[in-house]
Amino acid sequence: MSHRSIANGKQLLIQLSPDQGALVNQLSLAFAAAGKDLFLVGGPVRDLLLGQEPTDLDFTTNALPSETRAIAEGIPGTSIFDIGEQFGTIGVVVPVGDHAIPVEITTYRSEQYLRGDRHPDVQFGDRLDVDLSRRDVTVNAIAINVATGEIIDPFYGRADIEIATLRAVGNADDRFAEDPLRLLRVARFVSQLGFTIEGETFAAMIRQAPQLEHISKERIYAELTKLLVGSYPAEGLQVLLDTGLLTEAMPELRPLADEALSSPGIHREKDLWEHTKRVVAQSVPRATVRWAALLHDAAKPLTRSVDDRGEVHFYGHELAGARLAGRLLRNLKADKRTEKHVSRLVELHQRPGVYDAATWTDSAVRRLALEAGDTLTDLVDLAAADVTSGKAHKQRIARERVEQLRAHIARLEAEQALDELQSPLDGTALMQMFDRPPGRWIAEIKDHLRELVIDGELASDDVDTARAIATRMIDRQ
C-alpha cells in the first residue's frame, strides 16, 4: 500500500476532546482484542488537521458489519442503532462518563450508483487503500490508525489541505459517476471550509451535473441545507451556479440563475444574484433563515415590470415568492414545517423593513407579531440580513430600523407574551353563554375582542368585560 507515514498522528488524536479521546480508546482496545483494524477516517481527520475539534467521529474497519456489531456489543453499556448495515455501516452509541456519544463504523468498501438506481451497489473489502480510493476528495481520503497513530494519506490530502484545495480522488468523472451526490458535497465543502476547487475536478462537475437526477430529492435537500448553513455560503452558491448544479437541483431558481448568467459583471437596477448571496451570507446560520434568504427575491424575475417613467417594479413578488418557495421545498421533499415556515418568511420578508419607530404603534407591532406567529424571530433576523445597499448611510439607517423593531418587540413581550393576544372568550364559551349553535357570529365576536386586546383596550384575561361586550354585540344583531 502506497502511503506516507507521519509521526504526529498521536498528537492529532490528542486534539480530540477528553470524551472523544476516551471513546476512541475504548473502541481501539475492543477492535484490537478482536484482531481487527480500526481507523478514524474522513471529515474528522480533516478537521483535526485543520486544528478543529471534530463534531462527529467516523471510523472504517476490515471487520464485517456483523463482526463490528459483535465487537461493539462487547463494550459495556454500548447500544447499536440501525443506520445502514446493508451498506456496511453500524451505528454505535458508546457510554463515556455520564453521557453517551454516537459514532459510525463502516466496513472497507467500494460502491457505485447504477444508472437509474438510487441505491448503491456495495461490496465489502479488506484493504484500507481501496476504501480510501473510492472516497470523494483527497482531503477526506486520510485515515489515522487509532492503535498506532499512523496517518495513512495515499492521495496527498494533507498537501491539499495546506493549499485549501478540493481535488477529486483519482479520476474526477469516475468519482462523481459512482455517486452524483458528491457533486453537491464538493460545493458544500466549499461553503463549510472556504476551499477552492481544483480545475479538472471543477470541469468534471460541469460535465456530470445532469447526473444529479439519479439522486433522491431527500439527499439533495440535506446537502443543500448543509451548504446553506456553512461559513462561506456565497462561495458555495456560486459553485452551484457556475457548474449548472443550481438549476439541476432547484429548477425553480432557473429565472434567477439565467439573469445572473446573462449579464455577468454588468450593473442592473439590482444584481439579484449578488444580492441574494449577500443576504444568505449575512443571515444567521439557521436553516430556515438561510433558505428564506436564498428564496426571498427568487420571484422577482417573474414579476419584473417597467412603468412609463422607466422605473422597475416587482409587484407581488413576495406572494409569488412564497408560492415558489413552497413548490421548491415540496419538490425537494422537505418536511412540512420547514416548507410552511420558509414560505411564510418569504411572504412577509418586506414587512419589518418598513417599520418606523415614530409612526408604528404598539398595536401595529402586535399585529405584525401575530401575523408572523412562530416565524417572528426568523423574520426579524432575515430583515436584518436583507440590507445590501452600496451606500453606507442607507445600510446604517436600514439596520437601525430593524434593531428598533427588535427592541419594540422585546418591550411588548416583556409586558405580555405576544402569542397570548387572543380573545378572552373562545367559541365554546360563547356558545354556552348565548345558547346558540356554531356560526359566523362566533368569529365576528372573537375577532372584535381580539382587536380590542391588540389595541390594548381589553386584557386577554378580562372575561367579565369581554362578556359584556359580546352581549352588546348580540343585542345589536
Protein backbone atom coordinates (compact mmCIF):
# COMPACT_ATOMS: atom_id res chain seq x y z
CA MET A 1 0.00 0.00 0.00
CA SER A 2 1.37 3.37 -1.01
CA HIS A 3 1.14 5.94 1.75
CA ARG A 4 3.10 8.46 3.74
CA SER A 5 3.71 7.52 7.37
CA ILE A 6 3.84 10.64 9.54
CA ALA A 7 4.79 10.50 13.19
CA ASN A 8 2.36 13.11 14.55
CA GLY A 9 -0.84 11.06 14.27
CA LYS A 10 -0.90 10.52 18.01
CA GLN A 11 -0.66 14.27 18.55
CA LEU A 12 -3.68 14.68 16.29
CA LEU A 13 -5.65 12.19 18.36
CA ILE A 14 -4.71 14.13 21.49
CA GLN A 15 -6.54 17.13 19.96
CA LEU A 16 -9.81 15.26 20.41
CA SER A 17 -11.97 16.34 23.31
CA PRO A 18 -11.46 14.29 26.50
CA ASP A 19 -14.74 12.45 25.91
CA GLN A 20 -13.89 11.74 22.27
CA GLY A 21 -10.44 10.56 23.29
CA ALA A 22 -11.90 8.17 25.87
CA LEU A 23 -14.33 6.83 23.27
CA VAL A 24 -11.57 6.26 20.70
CA ASN A 25 -9.50 4.45 23.31
CA GLN A 26 -12.38 2.10 24.19
CA LEU A 27 -13.04 1.25 20.54
CA SER A 28 -9.33 0.84 19.79
CA LEU A 29 -8.89 -1.71 22.59
CA ALA A 30 -12.04 -3.60 21.62
CA PHE A 31 -11.13 -3.93 17.95
CA ALA A 32 -7.50 -4.79 18.71
CA ALA A 33 -8.65 -7.56 21.06
CA ALA A 34 -10.73 -8.96 18.20
CA GLY A 35 -7.76 -8.79 15.83
CA LYS A 36 -9.39 -6.14 13.64
CA ASP A 37 -8.11 -2.81 12.32
CA LEU A 38 -9.83 0.45 13.20
CA PHE A 39 -9.14 3.82 11.58
CA LEU A 40 -10.53 7.27 12.19
CA VAL A 41 -11.31 8.45 8.68
CA GLY A 42 -12.62 11.27 6.52
CA GLY A 43 -14.03 14.50 7.90
CA PRO A 44 -12.84 14.07 11.50
CA VAL A 45 -9.23 13.61 10.32
CA ARG A 46 -9.54 16.60 8.02
CA ASP A 47 -10.89 18.72 10.88
CA LEU A 48 -8.05 17.66 13.18
CA LEU A 49 -5.51 18.60 10.51
CA LEU A 50 -7.22 22.00 10.29
CA GLY A 51 -6.84 22.41 14.04
CA GLN A 52 -10.57 21.97 14.70
CA GLU A 53 -12.35 19.65 17.08
CA PRO A 54 -14.49 17.19 15.08
CA THR A 55 -18.22 17.32 15.68
CA ASP A 56 -18.70 13.69 14.62
CA LEU A 57 -16.43 10.65 14.59
CA ASP A 58 -16.41 8.24 11.64
CA PHE A 59 -14.40 5.02 11.56
CA THR A 60 -13.56 2.37 8.99
CA THR A 61 -12.52 -1.22 9.64
CA ASN A 62 -11.76 -4.55 8.00
CA ALA A 63 -14.37 -6.14 10.27
CA LEU A 64 -17.57 -7.15 8.51
CA PRO A 65 -20.77 -5.44 9.74
CA SER A 66 -21.78 -8.49 11.79
CA GLU A 67 -18.31 -8.55 13.38
CA THR A 68 -18.42 -4.84 14.12
CA ARG A 69 -21.79 -5.29 15.79
CA ALA A 70 -20.43 -8.13 17.95
CA ILE A 71 -17.33 -6.15 18.96
CA ALA A 72 -19.38 -3.09 19.87
CA GLU A 73 -21.88 -5.12 21.88
CA GLY A 74 -18.95 -6.40 23.94
CA ILE A 75 -18.30 -2.89 25.29
CA PRO A 76 -20.37 -2.48 28.50
CA GLY A 77 -23.32 -0.14 28.10
CA THR A 78 -22.94 0.22 24.35
CA SER A 79 -26.05 0.21 22.17
CA ILE A 80 -26.48 -0.25 18.43
CA PHE A 81 -28.71 1.75 16.11
CA ASP A 82 -29.63 0.98 12.51
CA ILE A 83 -28.04 3.44 10.11
CA GLY A 84 -27.45 1.26 7.04
CA GLU A 85 -25.99 -2.10 7.95
CA GLN A 86 -26.72 -3.40 4.44
CA PHE A 87 -24.32 -0.71 3.19
CA GLY A 88 -21.68 -1.65 5.74
CA THR A 89 -22.32 0.99 8.39
CA ILE A 90 -23.03 0.19 12.03
CA GLY A 91 -24.20 2.96 14.34
CA VAL A 92 -22.76 2.64 17.83
CA VAL A 93 -23.61 4.65 20.94
CA VAL A 94 -20.71 4.41 23.39
CA PRO A 95 -21.11 5.46 27.04
CA VAL A 96 -18.49 7.98 28.13
CA GLY A 97 -18.68 9.31 31.66
CA ASP A 98 -22.23 10.38 32.43
CA HIS A 99 -23.38 10.52 28.79
CA ALA A 100 -23.06 8.66 25.50
CA ILE A 101 -21.58 9.51 22.09
CA PRO A 102 -22.91 8.15 18.77
CA VAL A 103 -20.38 7.13 16.10
CA GLU A 104 -20.47 5.34 12.75
CA ILE A 105 -18.22 2.41 11.90
CA THR A 106 -18.12 1.27 8.27
CA THR A 107 -16.53 -1.80 6.73
CA TYR A 108 -13.95 -1.16 4.00
CA ARG A 109 -16.00 -0.94 0.83
CA SER A 110 -16.40 0.24 -2.71
CA GLU A 111 -19.70 1.39 -4.14
CA GLN A 112 -21.23 2.57 -7.39
CA TYR A 113 -24.63 4.02 -8.18
CA LEU A 114 -26.06 2.15 -11.16
CA ARG A 115 -27.78 4.31 -13.76
CA GLY A 116 -31.44 4.67 -12.85
CA ASP A 117 -30.93 3.17 -9.38
CA ARG A 118 -30.95 5.47 -6.33
CA HIS A 119 -29.23 2.94 -4.06
CA PRO A 120 -25.54 1.99 -4.20
CA ASP A 121 -24.17 -1.41 -5.11
CA VAL A 122 -21.88 -2.07 -2.14
CA GLN A 123 -19.02 -4.56 -1.99
CA PHE A 124 -17.03 -5.11 1.20
CA GLY A 125 -13.24 -5.38 1.13
CA ASP A 126 -10.25 -5.95 3.37
CA ARG A 127 -7.89 -3.20 2.17
CA LEU A 128 -7.84 0.35 3.51
CA ASP A 129 -6.19 1.79 0.38
CA VAL A 130 -9.06 0.53 -1.79
CA ASP A 131 -11.57 2.02 0.63
CA LEU A 132 -9.81 5.40 0.57
CA SER A 133 -9.59 5.31 -3.22
CA ARG A 134 -13.39 5.33 -3.50
CA ARG A 135 -13.82 8.48 -1.37
CA ASP A 136 -14.85 11.79 -2.88
CA VAL A 137 -11.99 14.29 -2.40
CA THR A 138 -8.42 13.92 -1.24
CA VAL A 139 -8.89 15.91 1.98
CA ASN A 140 -11.43 13.27 3.04
CA ALA A 141 -9.26 10.31 1.99
CA ILE A 142 -6.99 10.41 5.02
CA ALA A 143 -7.08 7.91 7.89
CA ILE A 144 -5.47 7.57 11.31
CA ASN A 145 -4.78 4.16 12.84
CA VAL A 146 -6.27 4.67 16.29
CA ALA A 147 -3.99 1.99 17.79
CA THR A 148 -0.68 3.33 16.47
CA GLY A 149 -1.40 6.94 15.45
CA GLU A 150 -0.09 6.25 11.94
CA ILE A 151 -1.52 8.60 9.30
CA ILE A 152 -2.47 6.97 6.01
CA ASP A 153 -2.56 9.53 3.20
CA PRO A 154 -2.20 7.81 -0.19
CA PHE A 155 -3.66 10.70 -2.20
CA TYR A 156 -1.77 13.57 -0.55
CA GLY A 157 -4.81 15.08 1.07
CA ARG A 158 -2.65 16.84 3.65
CA ALA A 159 -0.95 18.78 0.86
CA ASP A 160 -4.37 19.84 -0.48
CA ILE A 161 -5.41 20.92 3.00
CA GLU A 162 -2.30 23.09 3.14
CA ILE A 163 -3.29 24.86 -0.11
CA ALA A 164 -7.04 24.84 0.72
CA THR A 165 -7.96 22.86 -2.40
CA LEU A 166 -10.69 20.33 -3.10
CA ARG A 167 -9.46 17.69 -5.54
CA ALA A 168 -11.31 14.52 -6.56
CA VAL A 169 -9.64 11.25 -5.63
CA GLY A 170 -8.30 9.72 -8.84
CA ASN A 171 -10.41 10.32 -11.93
CA ALA A 172 -12.94 13.03 -11.15
CA ASP A 173 -15.57 11.82 -13.64
CA ASP A 174 -15.39 8.33 -12.16
CA ARG A 175 -15.78 9.62 -8.60
CA PHE A 176 -18.87 11.64 -9.47
CA ALA A 177 -20.35 8.86 -11.58
CA GLU A 178 -20.08 6.48 -8.59
CA ASP A 179 -22.32 8.77 -6.56
CA PRO A 180 -23.54 12.01 -8.19
CA LEU A 181 -24.44 13.42 -4.77
CA ARG A 182 -20.69 14.05 -4.47
CA LEU A 183 -21.20 16.95 -6.87
CA LEU A 184 -23.20 18.73 -4.19
CA ARG A 185 -20.86 17.54 -1.45
CA VAL A 186 -17.95 19.34 -3.10
CA ALA A 187 -19.98 22.55 -3.28
CA ARG A 188 -20.94 22.02 0.35
CA PHE A 189 -17.28 21.65 1.34
CA VAL A 190 -16.58 24.97 -0.36
CA SER A 191 -19.27 26.53 1.84
CA GLN A 192 -18.05 24.84 5.01
CA LEU A 193 -14.29 25.15 4.54
CA GLY A 194 -13.81 28.11 2.20
CA PHE A 195 -11.60 25.95 -0.07
CA THR A 196 -11.32 26.34 -3.86
CA ILE A 197 -11.89 23.53 -6.36
CA GLU A 198 -9.07 22.12 -8.48
CA GLY A 199 -9.54 22.75 -12.21
CA GLU A 200 -10.17 19.23 -13.52
CA THR A 201 -12.46 18.46 -10.61
CA PHE A 202 -14.45 21.60 -11.41
CA ALA A 203 -14.64 20.71 -15.11
CA ALA A 204 -15.90 17.24 -14.22
CA MET A 205 -18.60 18.78 -12.03
CA ILE A 206 -19.87 20.71 -15.04
CA ARG A 207 -19.85 17.58 -17.19
CA GLN A 208 -21.52 15.41 -14.57
CA ALA A 209 -24.11 17.89 -13.27
CA PRO A 210 -27.03 16.30 -15.22
CA GLN A 211 -26.38 13.02 -13.36
CA LEU A 212 -27.83 14.60 -10.22
CA GLU A 213 -31.23 13.45 -11.48
CA HIS A 214 -30.34 9.94 -10.29
CA ILE A 215 -30.15 11.07 -6.65
CA SER A 216 -33.15 11.14 -4.35
CA LYS A 217 -34.64 14.53 -3.55
CA GLU A 218 -34.26 13.93 0.17
CA ARG A 219 -30.48 13.52 -0.13
CA ILE A 220 -30.24 16.61 -2.33
CA TYR A 221 -32.22 18.67 0.17
CA ALA A 222 -29.98 17.52 3.03
CA GLU A 223 -26.81 18.53 1.16
CA LEU A 224 -28.23 21.90 0.12
CA THR A 225 -29.22 22.65 3.69
CA LYS A 226 -25.70 21.85 4.92
CA LEU A 227 -24.31 24.11 2.20
CA LEU A 228 -26.60 27.00 3.14
CA VAL A 229 -25.64 26.94 6.82
CA GLY A 230 -21.90 26.84 6.09
CA SER A 231 -19.44 29.60 6.92
CA TYR A 232 -18.93 30.54 3.24
CA PRO A 233 -22.40 30.07 1.69
CA ALA A 234 -21.95 32.71 -1.01
CA GLU A 235 -18.96 30.83 -2.41
CA GLY A 236 -20.83 27.54 -2.25
CA LEU A 237 -23.83 29.02 -4.08
CA GLN A 238 -21.56 30.43 -6.77
CA VAL A 239 -20.16 26.95 -7.36
CA LEU A 240 -23.71 25.66 -7.78
CA LEU A 241 -24.40 28.35 -10.36
CA ASP A 242 -21.12 28.02 -12.29
CA THR A 243 -21.34 24.24 -12.55
CA GLY A 244 -25.00 24.12 -13.55
CA LEU A 245 -25.93 22.34 -10.33
CA LEU A 246 -28.17 25.19 -9.18
CA THR A 247 -30.76 24.63 -11.86
CA GLU A 248 -30.32 20.86 -11.78
CA ALA A 249 -31.06 20.75 -8.07
CA MET A 250 -33.53 23.65 -7.92
CA PRO A 251 -35.05 24.30 -11.36
CA GLU A 252 -37.43 26.80 -9.75
CA LEU A 253 -34.43 29.13 -9.45
CA ARG A 254 -33.68 28.98 -13.18
CA PRO A 255 -35.04 32.53 -13.85
CA LEU A 256 -32.80 33.91 -11.09
CA ALA A 257 -29.83 31.91 -12.37
CA ASP A 258 -30.49 32.86 -16.00
CA GLU A 259 -30.47 36.53 -15.05
CA ALA A 260 -27.18 36.09 -13.20
CA LEU A 261 -25.59 34.33 -16.19
CA SER A 262 -27.00 36.60 -18.89
CA SER A 263 -25.07 39.72 -17.92
CA PRO A 264 -22.18 38.89 -15.58
CA GLY A 265 -20.40 41.94 -14.25
CA ILE A 266 -22.92 44.38 -15.72
CA HIS A 267 -24.75 46.62 -13.26
CA ARG A 268 -28.53 46.40 -13.41
CA GLU A 269 -31.21 48.04 -11.29
CA LYS A 270 -30.08 45.48 -8.71
CA ASP A 271 -27.96 42.41 -9.29
CA LEU A 272 -30.42 39.96 -7.81
CA TRP A 273 -27.98 37.06 -7.67
CA GLU A 274 -25.26 39.03 -5.91
CA HIS A 275 -27.86 40.50 -3.58
CA THR A 276 -29.21 37.03 -2.78
CA LYS A 277 -25.74 35.65 -1.99
CA ARG A 278 -25.01 38.58 0.30
CA VAL A 279 -28.27 38.21 2.18
CA VAL A 280 -27.61 34.50 2.68
CA ALA A 281 -24.07 35.18 3.90
CA GLN A 282 -25.21 37.98 6.25
CA SER A 283 -28.06 35.99 7.79
CA VAL A 284 -27.79 33.89 10.93
CA PRO A 285 -26.80 30.29 10.12
CA ARG A 286 -30.18 28.75 10.89
CA ALA A 287 -31.54 26.55 8.15
CA THR A 288 -34.96 28.22 7.90
CA VAL A 289 -33.47 31.71 7.74
CA ARG A 290 -30.84 30.71 5.18
CA TRP A 291 -33.45 29.00 2.97
CA ALA A 292 -35.66 32.08 3.18
CA ALA A 293 -32.68 34.32 2.37
CA LEU A 294 -31.99 32.22 -0.74
CA LEU A 295 -35.62 32.39 -1.87
CA HIS A 296 -36.81 35.80 -0.69
CA ASP A 297 -36.32 37.51 -4.08
CA ALA A 298 -36.50 34.41 -6.27
CA ALA A 299 -39.77 35.52 -7.87
CA LYS A 300 -38.54 38.99 -8.85
CA PRO A 301 -37.52 37.93 -12.39
CA LEU A 302 -41.06 36.59 -12.81
CA THR A 303 -42.78 39.78 -11.62
CA ARG A 304 -40.49 42.44 -13.12
CA SER A 305 -42.25 45.34 -14.83
CA VAL A 306 -41.25 48.81 -16.03
CA ASP A 307 -43.63 51.78 -15.80
CA ASP A 308 -43.94 54.64 -18.26
CA ARG A 309 -41.25 56.57 -16.37
CA GLY A 310 -38.77 53.74 -16.76
CA GLU A 311 -38.91 52.68 -13.11
CA VAL A 312 -38.63 48.98 -12.39
CA HIS A 313 -41.17 47.28 -10.14
CA PHE A 314 -41.67 43.79 -8.77
CA TYR A 315 -45.31 43.95 -7.74
CA GLY A 316 -46.42 40.93 -5.76
CA HIS A 317 -43.03 39.25 -5.79
CA GLU A 318 -43.33 38.34 -2.11
CA LEU A 319 -46.57 36.38 -2.68
CA ALA A 320 -45.26 34.80 -5.87
CA GLY A 321 -42.04 34.04 -3.99
CA ALA A 322 -43.91 32.31 -1.18
CA ARG A 323 -45.61 30.05 -3.72
CA LEU A 324 -42.28 29.40 -5.46
CA ALA A 325 -40.60 28.59 -2.13
CA GLY A 326 -43.33 26.14 -1.19
CA ARG A 327 -43.14 24.44 -4.58
CA LEU A 328 -39.35 24.17 -4.48
CA LEU A 329 -39.25 22.75 -0.97
CA ARG A 330 -42.05 20.28 -1.72
CA ASN A 331 -40.14 19.07 -4.76
CA LEU A 332 -37.09 18.55 -2.55
CA LYS A 333 -39.20 16.54 -0.09
CA ALA A 334 -38.50 18.98 2.74
CA ASP A 335 -40.51 18.47 5.90
CA LYS A 336 -43.87 20.24 6.04
CA ARG A 337 -42.89 22.53 8.89
CA THR A 338 -39.86 23.88 7.00
CA GLU A 339 -41.89 24.31 3.83
CA LYS A 340 -44.59 26.30 5.64
CA HIS A 341 -42.11 28.27 7.75
CA VAL A 342 -39.86 29.35 4.87
CA SER A 343 -42.83 30.20 2.63
CA ARG A 344 -44.22 32.43 5.37
CA LEU A 345 -40.88 34.17 5.80
CA VAL A 346 -40.67 34.88 2.07
CA GLU A 347 -44.23 36.21 2.05
CA LEU A 348 -43.58 38.60 4.96
CA HIS A 349 -39.92 39.45 4.35
CA GLN A 350 -40.57 43.09 3.40
CA ARG A 351 -42.76 43.93 6.37
CA PRO A 352 -40.07 44.61 9.01
CA GLY A 353 -38.18 46.83 6.57
CA VAL A 354 -40.91 49.48 6.57
CA TYR A 355 -41.03 49.76 10.35
CA ASP A 356 -40.89 53.35 11.61
CA ALA A 357 -40.42 53.90 15.33
CA ALA A 358 -42.11 57.29 15.08
CA THR A 359 -45.33 56.06 13.48
CA TRP A 360 -45.74 52.37 14.33
CA THR A 361 -47.95 51.99 17.37
CA ASP A 362 -47.81 49.13 19.84
CA SER A 363 -50.89 47.64 18.20
CA ALA A 364 -49.20 47.72 14.77
CA VAL A 365 -46.23 45.78 16.13
CA ARG A 366 -48.56 43.34 17.89
CA ARG A 367 -50.38 42.73 14.59
CA LEU A 368 -47.10 42.02 12.82
CA ALA A 369 -46.11 39.62 15.59
CA LEU A 370 -49.44 37.80 15.43
CA GLU A 371 -49.30 37.60 11.65
CA ALA A 372 -45.75 36.24 11.76
CA GLY A 373 -46.53 33.77 14.54
CA ASP A 374 -43.66 31.39 15.21
CA THR A 375 -41.65 32.89 12.33
CA LEU A 376 -41.25 36.26 14.08
CA THR A 377 -37.67 35.80 15.32
CA ASP A 378 -36.55 34.42 11.96
CA LEU A 379 -38.41 37.20 10.16
CA VAL A 380 -36.59 39.96 12.04
CA ASP A 381 -33.25 38.18 11.57
CA LEU A 382 -33.96 37.88 7.83
CA ALA A 383 -34.80 41.58 7.65
CA ALA A 384 -31.52 42.43 9.39
CA ALA A 385 -29.63 40.46 6.71
CA ASP A 386 -31.63 41.93 3.82
CA VAL A 387 -29.57 45.13 3.82
CA THR A 388 -27.11 45.27 0.94
CA SER A 389 -27.13 48.88 -0.23
CA GLY A 390 -23.81 50.13 -1.54
CA LYS A 391 -24.24 53.35 0.41
CA ALA A 392 -23.08 53.20 4.00
CA HIS A 393 -25.64 55.65 5.34
CA LYS A 394 -28.51 53.65 3.81
CA GLN A 395 -27.16 50.47 5.36
CA ARG A 396 -26.94 52.20 8.73
CA ILE A 397 -30.49 53.56 8.56
CA ALA A 398 -31.91 50.21 7.49
CA ARG A 399 -30.09 48.32 10.24
CA GLU A 400 -31.17 50.86 12.86
CA ARG A 401 -34.78 50.45 11.74
CA VAL A 402 -34.64 46.68 12.19
CA GLU A 403 -32.96 46.96 15.59
CA GLN A 404 -35.60 49.46 16.71
CA LEU A 405 -38.27 46.96 15.70
CA ARG A 406 -36.45 44.22 17.59
CA ALA A 407 -36.37 46.43 20.71
CA HIS A 408 -40.05 47.34 20.29
CA ILE A 409 -40.99 43.65 20.11
CA ALA A 410 -38.87 42.89 23.17
CA ARG A 411 -40.60 45.64 25.16
CA LEU A 412 -44.05 44.36 24.26
CA GLU A 413 -43.02 40.76 25.02
CA ALA A 414 -41.84 41.89 28.46
CA GLU A 415 -45.31 43.31 29.11
CA GLN A 416 -47.22 40.32 27.74
CA ALA A 417 -46.35 37.34 25.58
CA LEU A 418 -47.48 38.32 22.08
CA ASP A 419 -48.82 34.85 21.32
CA GLU A 420 -51.28 35.34 24.20
CA LEU A 421 -53.06 38.22 22.48
CA GLN A 422 -56.28 36.34 21.94
CA SER A 423 -59.94 36.86 22.69
CA PRO A 424 -60.77 36.22 26.37
CA LEU A 425 -63.72 34.13 25.12
CA ASP A 426 -63.36 31.15 22.82
CA GLY A 427 -66.06 29.61 20.66
CA THR A 428 -67.18 27.11 23.28
CA ALA A 429 -67.62 29.82 25.91
CA LEU A 430 -69.65 31.97 23.52
CA MET A 431 -71.98 29.11 22.53
CA GLN A 432 -72.60 28.24 26.18
CA MET A 433 -73.11 31.87 27.09
CA PHE A 434 -75.75 32.57 24.45
CA ASP A 435 -77.06 29.02 23.96
CA ARG A 436 -76.57 29.31 20.21
CA PRO A 437 -75.19 26.85 17.65
CA PRO A 438 -71.89 27.35 15.79
CA GLY A 439 -71.91 30.02 13.10
CA ARG A 440 -70.27 33.09 11.64
CA TRP A 441 -71.38 35.08 14.64
CA ILE A 442 -68.68 33.43 16.79
CA ALA A 443 -65.84 34.57 14.52
CA GLU A 444 -67.22 38.12 14.39
CA ILE A 445 -67.27 38.41 18.18
CA LYS A 446 -63.90 36.72 18.69
CA ASP A 447 -62.23 38.89 16.03
CA HIS A 448 -63.63 42.06 17.58
CA LEU A 449 -62.49 41.04 21.06
CA ARG A 450 -59.02 40.17 19.80
CA GLU A 451 -58.71 43.54 18.06
CA LEU A 452 -59.50 45.21 21.37
CA VAL A 453 -56.80 43.10 23.05
CA ILE A 454 -54.28 44.00 20.35
CA ASP A 455 -55.10 47.70 20.71
CA GLY A 456 -54.59 47.47 24.46
CA GLU A 457 -58.24 48.30 25.24
CA LEU A 458 -59.05 44.89 26.70
CA ALA A 459 -56.93 42.49 28.75
CA SER A 460 -56.71 38.98 27.34
CA ASP A 461 -57.86 37.58 30.70
CA ASP A 462 -60.68 40.10 31.31
CA VAL A 463 -63.58 37.69 30.82
CA ASP A 464 -66.20 39.86 32.52
CA THR A 465 -65.64 42.86 30.24
CA ALA A 466 -65.47 40.55 27.22
CA ARG A 467 -68.84 39.02 28.18
CA ALA A 468 -70.40 42.48 28.44
CA ILE A 469 -69.04 43.48 25.01
CA ALA A 470 -70.22 40.22 23.47
CA THR A 471 -73.70 40.72 24.94
CA ARG A 472 -73.94 44.19 23.41
CA MET A 473 -72.88 42.79 20.03
CA ILE A 474 -75.55 40.09 20.20
CA ASP A 475 -78.18 42.64 21.23
CA ARG A 476 -77.29 44.79 18.24
CA GLN A 477 -77.62 41.78 15.97
